[in-house]
Amino acid sequence: MKYIQTMQRGGRLLFAFMWVPFICIFAGTASEMFGSAGVRFTDWVNQYLPGFVSSNGELSLLSEISIGVTIALSVLSMFLIFGSVFVSAAFNKRLRQNGKPATAKVVSLASTGTRINGQPVVRFMLEVQPSDRSAFHAETEQLVDQVNLPRLQPGHEVQVRYDPDSLDVALADL
């Protein structure tokens, strides 16, 4: 579960940083975009970094590097953001197949803001009560059919599968 959240955070962070080189693409072509002010900016930058910003209508070194970095960051961020959904599904499937059964009480639930085919991905806080050890709290995210949401409200009991080593949990009966 922690790996999935790390993937999501990393993807959002890369997406945010992607805008820096994206803006630099336009800074590299300032002389064409901003008229005389752009030409002054281009001349000033080229005093310190010759050829870094274009003044002759061609793509500058800054623009060329920025295009490559923007593409790389956008592809990587989308891979992490969307890949985390598939990793989460595979992780929950593995837990449902190999995890130990237990009963859990829903402590809280919250929307993650993600929907797949119109169905919400919901974050659950659970109090898991295994038969062979003391109760523990766990958090999980799972795609839930809206029809099942009423029986997953706080206070209701649900069947789960958990990993006794990591204490990761997946809802078993959805």
Protein backbone atom coordinates (compact mmCIF):
# COMPACT_ATOMS: atom_id res chain seq x y z
CA MET A 1 0.00 0.00 0.00
CA LYS A 2 2.83 2.39 0.84
CA TYR A 3 4.44 1.73 -2.57
CA ILE A 4 1.22 2.62 -4.32
CA GLN A 5 0.86 5.87 -2.39
CA THR A 6 4.52 6.68 -3.14
CA MET A 7 3.87 6.08 -6.85
CA GLN A 8 0.87 8.42 -6.76
CA ARG A 9 2.76 11.17 -4.89
CA GLY A 10 5.77 10.83 -7.19
CA GLY A 11 3.55 11.06 -10.27
CA ARG A 12 1.83 14.20 -8.99
CA LEU A 13 5.18 15.76 -8.06
CA LEU A 14 6.67 15.05 -11.50
CA PHE A 15 3.54 16.43 -13.13
CA ALA A 16 3.93 19.65 -11.13
CA PHE A 17 7.63 19.97 -12.05
CA MET A 18 6.85 19.27 -15.71
CA TRP A 19 5.56 22.83 -16.04
CA VAL A 20 9.00 24.36 -15.35
CA PRO A 21 10.64 23.06 -18.56
CA PHE A 22 7.36 23.63 -20.41
CA ILE A 23 7.58 27.35 -19.59
CA CYS A 24 11.28 27.32 -20.54
CA ILE A 25 10.29 26.24 -24.07
CA PHE A 26 8.65 29.64 -24.48
CA ALA A 27 11.48 31.50 -22.73
CA GLY A 28 13.81 30.02 -25.32
CA THR A 29 11.81 31.69 -28.07
CA ALA A 30 11.27 34.99 -26.26
CA SER A 31 12.55 37.16 -29.11
CA GLU A 32 9.82 35.92 -31.46
CA MET A 33 7.05 35.98 -28.86
CA PHE A 34 7.59 39.24 -27.01
CA GLY A 35 8.93 41.64 -29.62
CA SER A 36 11.51 44.22 -28.52
CA ALA A 37 11.29 43.18 -24.83
CA GLY A 38 11.97 39.59 -25.89
CA VAL A 39 14.95 40.67 -27.99
CA ARG A 40 16.42 42.55 -25.00
CA PHE A 41 15.90 39.47 -22.81
CA THR A 42 17.52 37.24 -25.46
CA ASP A 43 20.53 39.57 -25.79
CA TRP A 44 20.93 39.71 -21.99
CA VAL A 45 20.85 35.90 -21.63
CA ASN A 46 23.17 35.37 -24.60
CA GLN A 47 25.80 37.65 -22.99
CA TYR A 48 26.23 35.06 -20.24
CA LEU A 49 25.20 31.85 -22.06
CA PRO A 50 25.92 32.26 -25.79
CA GLY A 51 23.41 30.41 -27.96
CA PHE A 52 21.24 29.36 -25.02
CA VAL A 53 18.28 31.47 -26.15
CA SER A 54 17.49 31.88 -29.85
CA SER A 55 17.36 35.23 -31.56
CA ASN A 56 17.26 34.06 -35.17
CA GLY A 57 13.97 32.13 -35.39
CA GLU A 58 15.46 28.68 -34.79
CA LEU A 59 14.86 26.58 -31.71
CA SER A 60 17.33 27.47 -29.01
CA LEU A 61 19.31 25.04 -26.90
CA LEU A 62 17.04 25.94 -23.98
CA SER A 63 13.93 25.08 -26.01
CA GLU A 64 15.37 21.82 -27.32
CA ILE A 65 16.37 20.61 -23.84
CA SER A 66 13.07 21.79 -22.38
CA ILE A 67 11.02 19.90 -24.97
CA GLY A 68 12.86 16.67 -24.16
CA VAL A 69 12.56 17.14 -20.40
CA THR A 70 8.87 18.07 -20.65
CA ILE A 71 8.08 14.94 -22.67
CA ALA A 72 10.10 12.71 -20.32
CA LEU A 73 8.49 14.14 -17.17
CA SER A 74 4.96 13.93 -18.59
CA VAL A 75 5.38 10.31 -19.70
CA LEU A 76 6.93 9.30 -16.38
CA SER A 77 4.29 11.12 -14.32
CA MET A 78 1.43 9.53 -16.27
CA PHE A 79 3.09 6.11 -15.93
CA LEU A 80 3.30 6.54 -12.15
CA ILE A 81 -0.19 7.99 -11.70
CA PHE A 82 -2.04 5.50 -13.91
CA GLY A 83 0.32 2.63 -13.13
CA SER A 84 -0.50 2.93 -9.43
CA VAL A 85 -4.12 1.98 -10.22
CA PHE A 86 -3.01 -1.26 -11.89
CA VAL A 87 -0.46 -2.04 -9.18
CA SER A 88 -3.15 -1.49 -6.54
CA ALA A 89 -5.56 -3.84 -8.32
CA ALA A 90 -2.90 -6.54 -8.63
CA PHE A 91 -1.88 -6.07 -5.00
CA ASN A 92 -5.50 -6.40 -3.78
CA LYS A 93 -6.03 -9.46 -5.98
CA ARG A 94 -2.93 -11.13 -4.51
CA LEU A 95 -4.10 -10.34 -0.98
CA ARG A 96 -7.58 -11.74 -1.67
CA GLN A 97 -6.05 -14.97 -2.95
CA ASN A 98 -3.24 -15.47 -0.41
CA GLY A 99 -4.15 -13.38 2.62
CA LYS A 100 -5.45 -14.65 5.94
CA PRO A 101 -9.18 -14.11 6.51
CA ALA A 102 -10.40 -11.76 9.23
CA THR A 103 -13.33 -9.57 10.17
CA ALA A 104 -12.91 -5.79 10.17
CA LYS A 105 -15.00 -2.86 11.28
CA VAL A 106 -15.12 0.15 8.95
CA VAL A 107 -13.79 3.11 10.95
CA SER A 108 -13.98 5.66 8.14
CA LEU A 109 -14.07 5.93 4.39
CA ALA A 110 -13.20 8.73 2.01
CA SER A 111 -13.22 9.29 -1.69
CA THR A 112 -9.81 9.38 -3.36
CA GLY A 113 -11.20 11.44 -6.24
CA THR A 114 -10.41 8.66 -8.70
CA ARG A 115 -13.18 6.99 -10.70
CA ILE A 116 -12.83 4.04 -13.04
CA ASN A 117 -15.78 3.43 -15.38
CA GLY A 118 -17.86 5.71 -13.17
CA GLN A 119 -17.13 3.72 -10.00
CA PRO A 120 -15.24 5.41 -7.13
CA VAL A 121 -11.93 4.31 -5.67
CA VAL A 122 -12.51 4.57 -1.92
CA ARG A 123 -9.97 4.82 0.91
CA PHE A 124 -11.01 2.76 3.95
CA MET A 125 -9.69 2.95 7.50
CA LEU A 126 -10.41 -0.42 9.11
CA GLU A 127 -10.07 -1.97 12.54
CA VAL A 128 -9.06 -5.54 11.67
CA GLN A 129 -9.89 -8.25 14.22
CA PRO A 130 -8.02 -11.45 13.31
CA SER A 131 -8.83 -14.62 15.25
CA ASP A 132 -5.20 -15.41 16.08
CA ARG A 133 -3.77 -12.01 17.09
CA SER A 134 -4.72 -8.65 18.54
CA ALA A 135 -6.74 -6.13 16.55
CA PHE A 136 -4.93 -3.54 14.44
CA HIS A 137 -5.81 -0.56 12.26
CA ALA A 138 -5.16 -0.66 8.53
CA GLU A 139 -5.82 1.52 5.52
CA THR A 140 -6.68 0.30 2.05
CA GLU A 141 -7.96 1.71 -1.23
CA GLN A 142 -10.32 -0.21 -3.40
CA LEU A 143 -12.59 0.25 -6.40
CA VAL A 144 -16.14 -0.08 -5.09
CA ASP A 145 -19.37 -0.50 -6.98
CA GLN A 146 -21.72 2.27 -5.84
CA VAL A 147 -24.35 -0.36 -5.04
CA ASN A 148 -22.06 -1.70 -2.28
CA LEU A 149 -21.36 1.66 -0.61
CA PRO A 150 -24.31 1.52 1.85
CA ARG A 151 -22.98 -1.68 3.45
CA LEU A 152 -19.48 -0.22 3.77
CA GLN A 153 -20.35 2.73 6.01
CA PRO A 154 -18.52 3.38 9.32
CA GLY A 155 -19.51 0.88 12.00
CA HIS A 156 -20.34 -1.95 9.59
CA GLU A 157 -18.36 -5.18 9.66
CA VAL A 158 -16.75 -6.54 6.49
CA GLN A 159 -14.70 -9.58 5.61
CA VAL A 160 -11.08 -8.86 4.73
CA ARG A 161 -7.90 -10.67 3.83
CA TYR A 162 -4.64 -9.48 5.34
CA ASP A 163 -0.92 -10.15 5.14
CA PRO A 164 0.29 -11.11 8.65
CA ASP A 165 3.79 -9.77 7.96
CA SER A 166 3.02 -6.33 6.52
CA LEU A 167 -0.54 -5.98 7.90
CA ASP A 168 -1.75 -4.85 4.47
CA VAL A 169 -5.49 -5.44 3.98
CA ALA A 170 -7.92 -5.97 1.08
CA LEU A 171 -11.70 -6.15 1.30
CA ALA A 172 -12.61 -9.77 0.55
CA ASP A 173 -16.27 -9.69 -0.34
CA LEU A 174 -16.54 -7.12 -3.12
